[in-house]
Amino acid sequence: MSAAIRVEPWQHLGHAVHAVTATPEHPQGPALLLVHGFGASTDHWRHNLPVLAGRHEVHAIDLLGFGRSAKPAGLGYGGALWRDQLAAYVAERIGRPTVLMGNSLGGFASLAAGAALGHQAAGVVLLNAAGPFSDEQAPPQGWGAIARQTIGAALLRSPVLQRLLFENLRRPATIRRTLNQVYVDRTNVDEELVEAIRRPSLDPGAFGVFRTVFDIPRGQPLDELFAQLTCPLLLLWGICDPWINAAGRRAAFQRHAPAATTEVVLEAGHCPHDEVPEQVNAALLAWLAGLSGARAEAEPPAAAPVPAVASDRTAA
């Protein structure tokens, strides 16, 4: 039976941050910090947090600008803000080595924070992570490409068009239609999920945060972050994800990720943790058991060895 989930508010840079946590009576291994994707919140871990908390101390956090966290105007939204928010949470609230697990935008933030935390990061888990590689940041070639990009960016910076787009995107029918595009199995695209995404968009500061999206810097390239990472890495792929072309993008991750990276490939879309939670939970718990086993073998006197997840890049 999992531990009770508690709401434990926190602050970063003087702004309110929504966080939840659950800890079993006898927690195993490292703590876990779950980080949602763009437009989502701690609610998106509804099928994961209770199961994972049966063994581990688990935390989930709403990034500033999202969910139930503050959405102040004038804040520099982007990878650096969210990296620092996660790193500060680990240092101030958890206080021990932590595995950071993120989906989409939350994956990029988790990787950046994991690289910044050094030995305080016990591992990083990426579920269809967003973010560019260095070779994807080259400027468009040719006048036609430059003109299309410039004109498109100018249109999207129009306050009127931004407001129209925002109002459309937060309609329940649009939210459901968007989710149906990125979930292969739509069983969990339910009213609870639609409302969890719609509700934060009603906050007074939500439109202001949305407008900053068009000016958010792209952030540090993924290959640079991989080079800085010193902890184990698990890639959990929803391989049918149409948003990031997961099947093609996986090859770029394989070129740049550390040699000891473990991969698990699932028949799912952009949010495998919510679409096929049983498979994600099982894969994650097995990988975490391997981390604990490897650490136990390295600490004298050695306890009975625990089989570890294969450390080479393999697809389950």
C-alpha atoms as a PDB file:
ATOM      1  CA  MET A   1       0.000   0.000   0.000  1.00  0.00           C
ATOM      2  CA  SER A   2       1.437   3.396  -0.976  1.00  0.00           C
ATOM      3  CA  ALA A   3       1.910   6.306   1.384  1.00  0.00           C
ATOM      4  CA  ALA A   4      -0.581   9.141   1.590  1.00  0.00           C
ATOM      5  CA  ILE A   5       0.042  12.018  -0.815  1.00  0.00           C
ATOM      6  CA  ARG A   6       0.505  15.339   0.952  1.00  0.00           C
ATOM      7  CA  VAL A   7       0.476  18.881  -0.418  1.00  0.00           C
ATOM      8  CA  GLU A   8       3.555  20.695   0.871  1.00  0.00           C
ATOM      9  CA  PRO A   9       3.845  24.250  -0.513  1.00  0.00           C
ATOM     10  CA  TRP A  10       7.290  25.710  -1.126  1.00  0.00           C
ATOM     11  CA  GLN A  11       8.734  28.967  -2.433  1.00  0.00           C
ATOM     12  CA  HIS A  12      11.311  29.816  -5.078  1.00  0.00           C
ATOM     13  CA  LEU A  13      12.513  33.379  -5.640  1.00  0.00           C
ATOM     14  CA  GLY A  14       9.725  34.489  -3.334  1.00  0.00           C
ATOM     15  CA  HIS A  15       6.998  32.899  -5.471  1.00  0.00           C
ATOM     16  CA  ALA A  16       4.615  30.165  -4.361  1.00  0.00           C
ATOM     17  CA  VAL A  17       5.352  26.695  -5.736  1.00  0.00           C
ATOM     18  CA  HIS A  18       2.887  23.824  -5.560  1.00  0.00           C
ATOM     19  CA  ALA A  19       4.498  20.552  -4.517  1.00  0.00           C
ATOM     20  CA  VAL A  20       3.217  17.184  -3.369  1.00  0.00           C
ATOM     21  CA  THR A  21       5.060  14.356  -1.691  1.00  0.00           C
ATOM     22  CA  ALA A  22       4.551  10.828  -0.420  1.00  0.00           C
ATOM     23  CA  THR A  23       6.965   8.719   1.618  1.00  0.00           C
ATOM     24  CA  PRO A  24       6.497   5.066   2.611  1.00  0.00           C
ATOM     25  CA  GLU A  25       7.335   3.962   6.140  1.00  0.00           C
ATOM     26  CA  HIS A  26      10.565   2.359   4.941  1.00  0.00           C
ATOM     27  CA  PRO A  27      11.684   4.146   1.768  1.00  0.00           C
ATOM     28  CA  GLN A  28      14.155   2.406  -0.530  1.00  0.00           C
ATOM     29  CA  GLY A  29      16.904   3.895  -2.679  1.00  0.00           C
ATOM     30  CA  PRO A  30      17.048   7.520  -3.790  1.00  0.00           C
ATOM     31  CA  ALA A  31      14.239  10.045  -3.635  1.00  0.00           C
ATOM     32  CA  LEU A  32      12.295  10.813  -6.833  1.00  0.00           C
ATOM     33  CA  LEU A  33      11.279  14.215  -8.218  1.00  0.00           C
ATOM     34  CA  LEU A  34       8.635  14.138 -10.977  1.00  0.00           C
ATOM     35  CA  VAL A  35       8.474  17.080 -13.403  1.00  0.00           C
ATOM     36  CA  HIS A  36       5.547  17.669 -15.770  1.00  0.00           C
ATOM     37  CA  GLY A  37       5.586  18.921 -19.363  1.00  0.00           C
ATOM     38  CA  PHE A  38       4.340  22.158 -20.932  1.00  0.00           C
ATOM     39  CA  GLY A  39       0.784  23.025 -19.900  1.00  0.00           C
ATOM     40  CA  ALA A  40       0.584  20.119 -17.435  1.00  0.00           C
ATOM     41  CA  SER A  41       1.075  19.905 -13.671  1.00  0.00           C
ATOM     42  CA  THR A  42       1.592  17.501 -10.785  1.00  0.00           C
ATOM     43  CA  ASP A  43      -1.827  16.078 -11.690  1.00  0.00           C
ATOM     44  CA  HIS A  44      -0.282  14.404 -14.737  1.00  0.00           C
ATOM     45  CA  TRP A  45       1.501  11.944 -12.412  1.00  0.00           C
ATOM     46  CA  ARG A  46      -1.833  10.654 -11.086  1.00  0.00           C
ATOM     47  CA  HIS A  47      -1.117   7.041 -12.115  1.00  0.00           C
ATOM     48  CA  ASN A  48       2.566   7.061 -11.148  1.00  0.00           C
ATOM     49  CA  LEU A  49       3.051   8.839  -7.842  1.00  0.00           C
ATOM     50  CA  PRO A  50       0.878   6.484  -5.738  1.00  0.00           C
ATOM     51  CA  VAL A  51       2.616   3.384  -7.153  1.00  0.00           C
ATOM     52  CA  LEU A  52       6.167   4.722  -6.908  1.00  0.00           C
ATOM     53  CA  ALA A  53       5.503   5.890  -3.342  1.00  0.00           C
ATOM     54  CA  GLY A  54       5.013   2.271  -2.342  1.00  0.00           C
ATOM     55  CA  ARG A  55       8.825   1.963  -2.311  1.00  0.00           C
ATOM     56  CA  HIS A  56      10.362   5.418  -2.655  1.00  0.00           C
ATOM     57  CA  GLU A  57      10.155   8.910  -1.245  1.00  0.00           C
ATOM     58  CA  VAL A  58       8.442  10.712  -4.131  1.00  0.00           C
ATOM     59  CA  HIS A  59       7.975  14.411  -4.833  1.00  0.00           C
ATOM     60  CA  ALA A  60       6.202  16.159  -7.702  1.00  0.00           C
ATOM     61  CA  ILE A  61       6.401  19.874  -8.397  1.00  0.00           C
ATOM     62  CA  ASP A  62       4.630  22.447 -10.553  1.00  0.00           C
ATOM     63  CA  LEU A  63       7.143  24.570 -12.448  1.00  0.00           C
ATOM     64  CA  LEU A  64       6.686  28.310 -12.020  1.00  0.00           C
ATOM     65  CA  GLY A  65       4.167  29.476 -14.606  1.00  0.00           C
ATOM     66  CA  PHE A  66       2.267  26.185 -14.633  1.00  0.00           C
ATOM     67  CA  GLY A  67      -0.282  24.231 -12.637  1.00  0.00           C
ATOM     68  CA  ARG A  68      -0.995  25.609  -9.163  1.00  0.00           C
ATOM     69  CA  SER A  69       2.349  27.414  -8.903  1.00  0.00           C
ATOM     70  CA  ALA A  70       2.606  31.193  -9.189  1.00  0.00           C
ATOM     71  CA  LYS A  71       2.540  32.818 -12.619  1.00  0.00           C
ATOM     72  CA  PRO A  72       4.122  36.222 -11.962  1.00  0.00           C
ATOM     73  CA  ALA A  73       4.591  38.761 -14.731  1.00  0.00           C
ATOM     74  CA  GLY A  74       8.122  39.750 -15.620  1.00  0.00           C
ATOM     75  CA  LEU A  75       9.744  36.470 -14.598  1.00  0.00           C
ATOM     76  CA  GLY A  76      12.337  35.118 -17.028  1.00  0.00           C
ATOM     77  CA  TYR A  77      10.540  31.919 -17.997  1.00  0.00           C
ATOM     78  CA  GLY A  78      12.787  29.368 -19.635  1.00  0.00           C
ATOM     79  CA  GLY A  79      15.192  26.516 -19.066  1.00  0.00           C
ATOM     80  CA  ALA A  80      17.477  28.396 -16.689  1.00  0.00           C
ATOM     81  CA  LEU A  81      14.611  29.345 -14.364  1.00  0.00           C
ATOM     82  CA  TRP A  82      13.186  25.840 -14.224  1.00  0.00           C
ATOM     83  CA  ARG A  83      16.639  24.223 -13.896  1.00  0.00           C
ATOM     84  CA  ASP A  84      17.397  26.416 -10.894  1.00  0.00           C
ATOM     85  CA  GLN A  85      13.948  25.803  -9.404  1.00  0.00           C
ATOM     86  CA  LEU A  86      14.428  22.027  -9.491  1.00  0.00           C
ATOM     87  CA  ALA A  87      17.995  22.178  -8.191  1.00  0.00           C
ATOM     88  CA  ALA A  88      16.910  24.432  -5.319  1.00  0.00           C
ATOM     89  CA  TYR A  89      14.035  22.102  -4.455  1.00  0.00           C
ATOM     90  CA  VAL A  90      16.366  19.110  -4.253  1.00  0.00           C
ATOM     91  CA  ALA A  91      18.796  21.032  -2.049  1.00  0.00           C
ATOM     92  CA  GLU A  92      16.252  22.734   0.210  1.00  0.00           C
ATOM     93  CA  ARG A  93      13.347  20.321   0.451  1.00  0.00           C
ATOM     94  CA  ILE A  94      14.704  16.826  -0.282  1.00  0.00           C
ATOM     95  CA  GLY A  95      18.270  17.162   0.969  1.00  0.00           C
ATOM     96  CA  ARG A  96      19.661  13.923  -0.404  1.00  0.00           C
ATOM     97  CA  PRO A  97      20.546  12.343  -3.763  1.00  0.00           C
ATOM     98  CA  THR A  98      17.497  12.385  -6.013  1.00  0.00           C
ATOM     99  CA  VAL A  99      16.422  10.909  -9.335  1.00  0.00           C
ATOM    100  CA  LEU A 100      14.818  13.595 -11.514  1.00  0.00           C
ATOM    101  CA  MET A 101      12.182  12.338 -13.932  1.00  0.00           C
ATOM    102  CA  GLY A 102      10.592  14.633 -16.507  1.00  0.00           C
ATOM    103  CA  ASN A 103       8.286  14.546 -19.504  1.00  0.00           C
ATOM    104  CA  SER A 104       8.727  16.798 -22.550  1.00  0.00           C
ATOM    105  CA  LEU A 105       9.662  20.300 -21.282  1.00  0.00           C
ATOM    106  CA  GLY A 106      10.033  18.757 -17.825  1.00  0.00           C
ATOM    107  CA  GLY A 107      12.526  16.311 -19.288  1.00  0.00           C
ATOM    108  CA  PHE A 108      14.727  19.145 -20.515  1.00  0.00           C
ATOM    109  CA  ALA A 109      14.484  20.873 -17.111  1.00  0.00           C
ATOM    110  CA  SER A 110      15.274  17.606 -15.304  1.00  0.00           C
ATOM    111  CA  LEU A 111      18.326  16.944 -17.460  1.00  0.00           C
ATOM    112  CA  ALA A 112      19.607  20.500 -16.944  1.00  0.00           C
ATOM    113  CA  ALA A 113      19.055  20.274 -13.191  1.00  0.00           C
ATOM    114  CA  GLY A 114      20.641  16.812 -13.054  1.00  0.00           C
ATOM    115  CA  ALA A 115      23.750  18.138 -14.771  1.00  0.00           C
ATOM    116  CA  ALA A 116      23.885  21.132 -12.418  1.00  0.00           C
ATOM    117  CA  LEU A 117      23.363  19.084  -9.235  1.00  0.00           C
ATOM    118  CA  GLY A 118      26.386  16.835  -9.741  1.00  0.00           C
ATOM    119  CA  HIS A 119      26.578  14.173  -7.009  1.00  0.00           C
ATOM    120  CA  GLN A 120      23.206  15.258  -5.612  1.00  0.00           C
ATOM    121  CA  ALA A 121      21.573  13.800  -8.735  1.00  0.00           C
ATOM    122  CA  ALA A 122      21.197  10.046  -8.304  1.00  0.00           C
ATOM    123  CA  GLY A 123      19.833   9.659 -11.831  1.00  0.00           C
ATOM    124  CA  VAL A 124      17.840  11.301 -14.607  1.00  0.00           C
ATOM    125  CA  VAL A 125      14.838   9.784 -16.389  1.00  0.00           C
ATOM    126  CA  LEU A 126      13.629  11.349 -19.632  1.00  0.00           C
ATOM    127  CA  LEU A 127      10.193  10.644 -21.085  1.00  0.00           C
ATOM    128  CA  ASN A 128      10.112  12.050 -24.624  1.00  0.00           C
ATOM    129  CA  ALA A 129      12.219  15.017 -23.579  1.00  0.00           C
ATOM    130  CA  ALA A 130      12.121  18.327 -25.424  1.00  0.00           C
ATOM    131  CA  GLY A 131      15.112  20.466 -26.281  1.00  0.00           C
ATOM    132  CA  PRO A 132      17.524  21.074 -29.158  1.00  0.00           C
ATOM    133  CA  PHE A 133      20.842  19.526 -30.071  1.00  0.00           C
ATOM    134  CA  SER A 134      23.697  21.783 -31.151  1.00  0.00           C
ATOM    135  CA  ASP A 135      23.349  20.863 -34.812  1.00  0.00           C
ATOM    136  CA  GLU A 136      19.640  21.793 -34.691  1.00  0.00           C
ATOM    137  CA  GLN A 137      20.352  25.398 -33.696  1.00  0.00           C
ATOM    138  CA  ALA A 138      21.839  26.467 -37.007  1.00  0.00           C
ATOM    139  CA  PRO A 139      20.045  29.453 -38.596  1.00  0.00           C
ATOM    140  CA  PRO A 140      17.742  28.771 -41.579  1.00  0.00           C
ATOM    141  CA  GLN A 141      19.492  28.647 -44.941  1.00  0.00           C
ATOM    142  CA  GLY A 142      18.392  30.763 -47.893  1.00  0.00           C
ATOM    143  CA  TRP A 143      16.289  33.917 -48.160  1.00  0.00           C
ATOM    144  CA  GLY A 144      13.058  31.978 -48.493  1.00  0.00           C
ATOM    145  CA  ALA A 145      13.599  30.056 -45.269  1.00  0.00           C
ATOM    146  CA  ILE A 146      14.696  33.196 -43.434  1.00  0.00           C
ATOM    147  CA  ALA A 147      11.638  35.140 -44.651  1.00  0.00           C
ATOM    148  CA  ARG A 148       9.207  32.375 -43.669  1.00  0.00           C
ATOM    149  CA  GLN A 149      10.693  32.106 -40.186  1.00  0.00           C
ATOM    150  CA  THR A 150      10.795  35.887 -39.685  1.00  0.00           C
ATOM    151  CA  ILE A 151       7.239  36.484 -40.907  1.00  0.00           C
ATOM    152  CA  GLY A 152       5.900  33.575 -38.866  1.00  0.00           C
ATOM    153  CA  ALA A 153       7.644  34.797 -35.714  1.00  0.00           C
ATOM    154  CA  ALA A 154       6.300  38.321 -36.262  1.00  0.00           C
ATOM    155  CA  LEU A 155       2.728  37.057 -36.586  1.00  0.00           C
ATOM    156  CA  LEU A 156       2.993  34.941 -33.457  1.00  0.00           C
ATOM    157  CA  ARG A 157       4.212  37.979 -31.508  1.00  0.00           C
ATOM    158  CA  SER A 158       0.971  39.838 -32.239  1.00  0.00           C
ATOM    159  CA  PRO A 159      -0.887  40.253 -28.891  1.00  0.00           C
ATOM    160  CA  VAL A 160      -4.235  39.874 -30.658  1.00  0.00           C
ATOM    161  CA  LEU A 161      -3.263  36.606 -32.342  1.00  0.00           C
ATOM    162  CA  GLN A 162      -1.691  35.335 -29.134  1.00  0.00           C
ATOM    163  CA  ARG A 163      -4.918  35.981 -27.233  1.00  0.00           C
ATOM    164  CA  LEU A 164      -7.014  34.241 -29.896  1.00  0.00           C
ATOM    165  CA  LEU A 165      -4.665  31.270 -29.899  1.00  0.00           C
ATOM    166  CA  PHE A 166      -4.656  31.105 -26.101  1.00  0.00           C
ATOM    167  CA  GLU A 167      -8.463  31.218 -25.866  1.00  0.00           C
ATOM    168  CA  ASN A 168      -8.761  28.426 -28.412  1.00  0.00           C
ATOM    169  CA  LEU A 169      -6.110  26.232 -26.846  1.00  0.00           C
ATOM    170  CA  ARG A 170      -7.752  26.293 -23.420  1.00  0.00           C
ATOM    171  CA  ARG A 171     -11.188  25.230 -24.665  1.00  0.00           C
ATOM    172  CA  PRO A 172     -12.006  21.729 -23.343  1.00  0.00           C
ATOM    173  CA  ALA A 173     -12.742  20.476 -26.870  1.00  0.00           C
ATOM    174  CA  THR A 174      -9.346  21.705 -28.107  1.00  0.00           C
ATOM    175  CA  ILE A 175      -7.526  20.193 -25.127  1.00  0.00           C
ATOM    176  CA  ARG A 176      -9.205  16.843 -25.743  1.00  0.00           C
ATOM    177  CA  ARG A 177      -8.498  16.970 -29.473  1.00  0.00           C
ATOM    178  CA  THR A 178      -4.830  17.767 -28.825  1.00  0.00           C
ATOM    179  CA  LEU A 179      -4.485  14.941 -26.319  1.00  0.00           C
ATOM    180  CA  ASN A 180      -6.128  12.528 -28.738  1.00  0.00           C
ATOM    181  CA  GLN A 181      -3.423  13.401 -31.253  1.00  0.00           C
ATOM    182  CA  VAL A 182      -0.586  12.399 -28.913  1.00  0.00           C
ATOM    183  CA  TYR A 183      -2.095   9.425 -27.043  1.00  0.00           C
ATOM    184  CA  VAL A 184      -2.139   6.186 -29.030  1.00  0.00           C
ATOM    185  CA  ASP A 185      -4.391   4.511 -26.463  1.00  0.00           C
ATOM    186  CA  ARG A 186      -6.944   7.193 -25.546  1.00  0.00           C
ATOM    187  CA  THR A 187      -8.391   5.370 -22.541  1.00  0.00           C
ATOM    188  CA  ASN A 188      -6.857   7.833 -20.093  1.00  0.00           C
ATOM    189  CA  VAL A 189      -7.855  10.931 -22.076  1.00  0.00           C
ATOM    190  CA  ASP A 190     -10.691  11.528 -19.634  1.00  0.00           C
ATOM    191  CA  GLU A 191     -12.489  14.483 -18.060  1.00  0.00           C
ATOM    192  CA  GLU A 192     -10.077  14.468 -15.119  1.00  0.00           C
ATOM    193  CA  LEU A 193      -7.102  14.994 -17.430  1.00  0.00           C
ATOM    194  CA  VAL A 194      -8.813  17.636 -19.569  1.00  0.00           C
ATOM    195  CA  GLU A 195      -9.841  19.595 -16.471  1.00  0.00           C
ATOM    196  CA  ALA A 196      -6.340  19.299 -14.967  1.00  0.00           C
ATOM    197  CA  ILE A 197      -4.954  21.066 -18.034  1.00  0.00           C
ATOM    198  CA  ARG A 198      -7.784  23.598 -18.373  1.00  0.00           C
ATOM    199  CA  ARG A 199      -7.940  24.713 -14.740  1.00  0.00           C
ATOM    200  CA  PRO A 200      -4.522  26.446 -14.527  1.00  0.00           C
ATOM    201  CA  SER A 201      -5.266  28.350 -17.745  1.00  0.00           C
ATOM    202  CA  LEU A 202      -7.982  30.242 -15.843  1.00  0.00           C
ATOM    203  CA  ASP A 203      -5.450  31.786 -13.435  1.00  0.00           C
ATOM    204  CA  PRO A 204      -5.010  35.554 -13.915  1.00  0.00           C
ATOM    205  CA  GLY A 205      -1.351  35.226 -14.898  1.00  0.00           C
ATOM    206  CA  ALA A 206      -1.803  32.309 -17.313  1.00  0.00           C
ATOM    207  CA  PHE A 207      -2.041  34.365 -20.499  1.00  0.00           C
ATOM    208  CA  GLY A 208       1.047  36.341 -19.554  1.00  0.00           C
ATOM    209  CA  VAL A 209       3.009  33.127 -19.155  1.00  0.00           C
ATOM    210  CA  PHE A 210       1.643  31.823 -22.450  1.00  0.00           C
ATOM    211  CA  ARG A 211       2.818  34.981 -24.257  1.00  0.00           C
ATOM    212  CA  THR A 212       6.387  34.474 -23.031  1.00  0.00           C
ATOM    213  CA  VAL A 213       6.502  31.115 -24.797  1.00  0.00           C
ATOM    214  CA  PHE A 214       7.169  32.860 -28.098  1.00  0.00           C
ATOM    215  CA  ASP A 215      10.278  34.525 -26.700  1.00  0.00           C
ATOM    216  CA  ILE A 216      11.682  31.740 -24.493  1.00  0.00           C
ATOM    217  CA  PRO A 217      15.341  31.115 -25.382  1.00  0.00           C
ATOM    218  CA  ARG A 218      16.015  27.630 -26.684  1.00  0.00           C
ATOM    219  CA  GLY A 219      18.302  26.763 -23.791  1.00  0.00           C
ATOM    220  CA  GLN A 220      21.515  24.808 -23.555  1.00  0.00           C
ATOM    221  CA  PRO A 221      21.793  22.059 -26.198  1.00  0.00           C
ATOM    222  CA  LEU A 222      21.028  18.542 -25.072  1.00  0.00           C
ATOM    223  CA  ASP A 223      24.411  17.218 -26.185  1.00  0.00           C
ATOM    224  CA  GLU A 224      26.181  19.707 -23.898  1.00  0.00           C
ATOM    225  CA  LEU A 225      23.987  18.677 -20.980  1.00  0.00           C
ATOM    226  CA  PHE A 226      24.650  14.991 -21.653  1.00  0.00           C
ATOM    227  CA  ALA A 227      28.396  15.716 -21.585  1.00  0.00           C
ATOM    228  CA  GLN A 228      28.020  17.331 -18.149  1.00  0.00           C
ATOM    229  CA  LEU A 229      25.873  14.567 -16.671  1.00  0.00           C
ATOM    230  CA  THR A 230      27.625  12.350 -14.114  1.00  0.00           C
ATOM    231  CA  CYS A 231      24.690  10.181 -12.966  1.00  0.00           C
ATOM    232  CA  PRO A 232      22.875   7.250 -14.619  1.00  0.00           C
ATOM    233  CA  LEU A 233      20.386   8.052 -17.386  1.00  0.00           C
ATOM    234  CA  LEU A 234      17.190   6.225 -18.373  1.00  0.00           C
ATOM    235  CA  LEU A 235      15.375   7.054 -21.605  1.00  0.00           C
ATOM    236  CA  LEU A 236      11.717   5.996 -21.596  1.00  0.00           C
ATOM    237  CA  TRP A 237      10.319   6.437 -25.104  1.00  0.00           C
ATOM    238  CA  GLY A 238       6.725   6.664 -26.200  1.00  0.00           C
ATOM    239  CA  ILE A 239       7.938   5.750 -29.665  1.00  0.00           C
ATOM    240  CA  CYS A 240       4.691   6.715 -31.457  1.00  0.00           C
ATOM    241  CA  ASP A 241       4.957  10.357 -30.375  1.00  0.00           C
ATOM    242  CA  PRO A 242       4.072  12.580 -33.363  1.00  0.00           C
ATOM    243  CA  TRP A 243       5.082  15.831 -31.667  1.00  0.00           C
ATOM    244  CA  ILE A 244       8.807  15.167 -31.447  1.00  0.00           C
ATOM    245  CA  ASN A 245       9.144  12.416 -34.078  1.00  0.00           C
ATOM    246  CA  ALA A 246      10.341  10.064 -31.362  1.00  0.00           C
ATOM    247  CA  ALA A 247      11.424   7.304 -33.733  1.00  0.00           C
ATOM    248  CA  GLY A 248      13.749   9.671 -35.589  1.00  0.00           C
ATOM    249  CA  ARG A 249      14.800  11.678 -32.546  1.00  0.00           C
ATOM    250  CA  ARG A 250      15.828   8.548 -30.700  1.00  0.00           C
ATOM    251  CA  ALA A 251      18.800   8.191 -33.049  1.00  0.00           C
ATOM    252  CA  ALA A 252      20.066  11.657 -32.060  1.00  0.00           C
ATOM    253  CA  PHE A 253      19.776  10.733 -28.385  1.00  0.00           C
ATOM    254  CA  GLN A 254      21.710   7.518 -29.014  1.00  0.00           C
ATOM    255  CA  ARG A 255      24.532   9.493 -30.660  1.00  0.00           C
ATOM    256  CA  HIS A 256      24.928  11.911 -27.780  1.00  0.00           C
ATOM    257  CA  ALA A 257      23.732  10.210 -24.579  1.00  0.00           C
ATOM    258  CA  PRO A 258      26.310   8.702 -22.180  1.00  0.00           C
ATOM    259  CA  ALA A 259      27.468   5.178 -22.989  1.00  0.00           C
ATOM    260  CA  ALA A 260      25.839   3.684 -19.875  1.00  0.00           C
ATOM    261  CA  THR A 261      22.372   4.936 -20.812  1.00  0.00           C
ATOM    262  CA  THR A 262      19.472   2.504 -20.524  1.00  0.00           C
ATOM    263  CA  GLU A 263      16.523   2.705 -22.925  1.00  0.00           C
ATOM    264  CA  VAL A 264      12.995   1.379 -22.725  1.00  0.00           C
ATOM    265  CA  VAL A 265      10.813   1.706 -25.833  1.00  0.00           C
ATOM    266  CA  LEU A 266       7.033   1.611 -25.434  1.00  0.00           C
ATOM    267  CA  GLU A 267       4.165   1.635 -27.920  1.00  0.00           C
ATOM    268  CA  ALA A 268       2.785   4.948 -26.732  1.00  0.00           C
ATOM    269  CA  GLY A 269       2.651   8.636 -27.576  1.00  0.00           C
ATOM    270  CA  HIS A 270       4.057  11.829 -26.078  1.00  0.00           C
ATOM    271  CA  CYS A 271       3.028  11.116 -22.456  1.00  0.00           C
ATOM    272  CA  PRO A 272       3.783   7.422 -21.832  1.00  0.00           C
ATOM    273  CA  HIS A 273       3.660   7.864 -18.058  1.00  0.00           C
ATOM    274  CA  ASP A 274      -0.061   8.676 -18.278  1.00  0.00           C
ATOM    275  CA  GLU A 275      -0.966   6.582 -21.320  1.00  0.00           C
ATOM    276  CA  VAL A 276       0.703   3.304 -20.273  1.00  0.00           C
ATOM    277  CA  PRO A 277       1.480   3.974 -16.596  1.00  0.00           C
ATOM    278  CA  GLU A 278       1.757   0.316 -15.603  1.00  0.00           C
ATOM    279  CA  GLN A 279       4.571  -0.212 -18.107  1.00  0.00           C
ATOM    280  CA  VAL A 280       6.373   2.982 -17.154  1.00  0.00           C
ATOM    281  CA  ASN A 281       6.080   2.268 -13.431  1.00  0.00           C
ATOM    282  CA  ALA A 282       7.415  -1.265 -13.856  1.00  0.00           C
ATOM    283  CA  ALA A 283      10.360  -0.153 -16.023  1.00  0.00           C
ATOM    284  CA  LEU A 284      11.252   2.677 -13.658  1.00  0.00           C
ATOM    285  CA  LEU A 285      11.078   0.537 -10.514  1.00  0.00           C
ATOM    286  CA  ALA A 286      13.289  -2.114 -12.138  1.00  0.00           C
ATOM    287  CA  TRP A 287      15.846   0.521 -13.130  1.00  0.00           C
ATOM    288  CA  LEU A 288      15.787   2.054  -9.644  1.00  0.00           C
ATOM    289  CA  ALA A 289      16.330  -1.389  -8.103  1.00  0.00           C
ATOM    290  CA  GLY A 290      19.378  -1.730 -10.332  1.00  0.00           C
ATOM    291  CA  LEU A 291      20.742   1.591  -9.069  1.00  0.00           C
ATOM    292  CA  SER A 292      20.286   0.482  -5.470  1.00  0.00           C
ATOM    293  CA  GLY A 293      21.895  -2.868  -6.220  1.00  0.00           C
ATOM    294  CA  ALA A 294      24.919  -1.286  -7.877  1.00  0.00           C
ATOM    295  CA  ARG A 295      25.389   1.083  -4.939  1.00  0.00           C
ATOM    296  CA  ALA A 296      25.116  -1.780  -2.417  1.00  0.00           C
ATOM    297  CA  GLU A 297      27.806  -3.751  -4.274  1.00  0.00           C
ATOM    298  CA  ALA A 298      30.118  -0.744  -4.174  1.00  0.00           C
ATOM    299  CA  GLU A 299      29.822  -0.223  -0.422  1.00  0.00           C
ATOM    300  CA  PRO A 300      31.800  -2.612   1.866  1.00  0.00           C
ATOM    301  CA  PRO A 301      30.872  -4.850   3.493  1.00  0.00           C
ATOM    302  CA  ALA A 302      28.972  -6.080   0.456  1.00  0.00           C
ATOM    303  CA  ALA A 303      25.426  -7.225   0.958  1.00  0.00           C
ATOM    304  CA  ALA A 304      23.803  -9.926  -1.139  1.00  0.00           C
ATOM    305  CA  PRO A 305      24.060  -8.712  -4.741  1.00  0.00           C
ATOM    306  CA  VAL A 306      20.948  -7.340  -6.382  1.00  0.00           C
ATOM    307  CA  PRO A 307      20.653  -7.871 -10.154  1.00  0.00           C
ATOM    308  CA  ALA A 308      21.006  -4.529 -11.913  1.00  0.00           C
ATOM    309  CA  VAL A 309      19.377  -3.272 -15.072  1.00  0.00           C
ATOM    310  CA  ALA A 310      21.676  -3.673 -18.044  1.00  0.00           C
ATOM    311  CA  SER A 311      23.948  -0.649 -18.140  1.00  0.00           C
ATOM    312  CA  ASP A 312      24.532  -0.671 -21.894  1.00  0.00           C
ATOM    313  CA  ARG A 313      22.170   1.064 -24.302  1.00  0.00           C
ATOM    314  CA  THR A 314      19.442  -1.545 -24.800  1.00  0.00           C
ATOM    315  CA  ALA A 315      15.765  -1.313 -25.632  1.00  0.00           C
ATOM    316  CA  ALA A 316      13.329  -3.232 -23.461  1.00  0.00           C
END
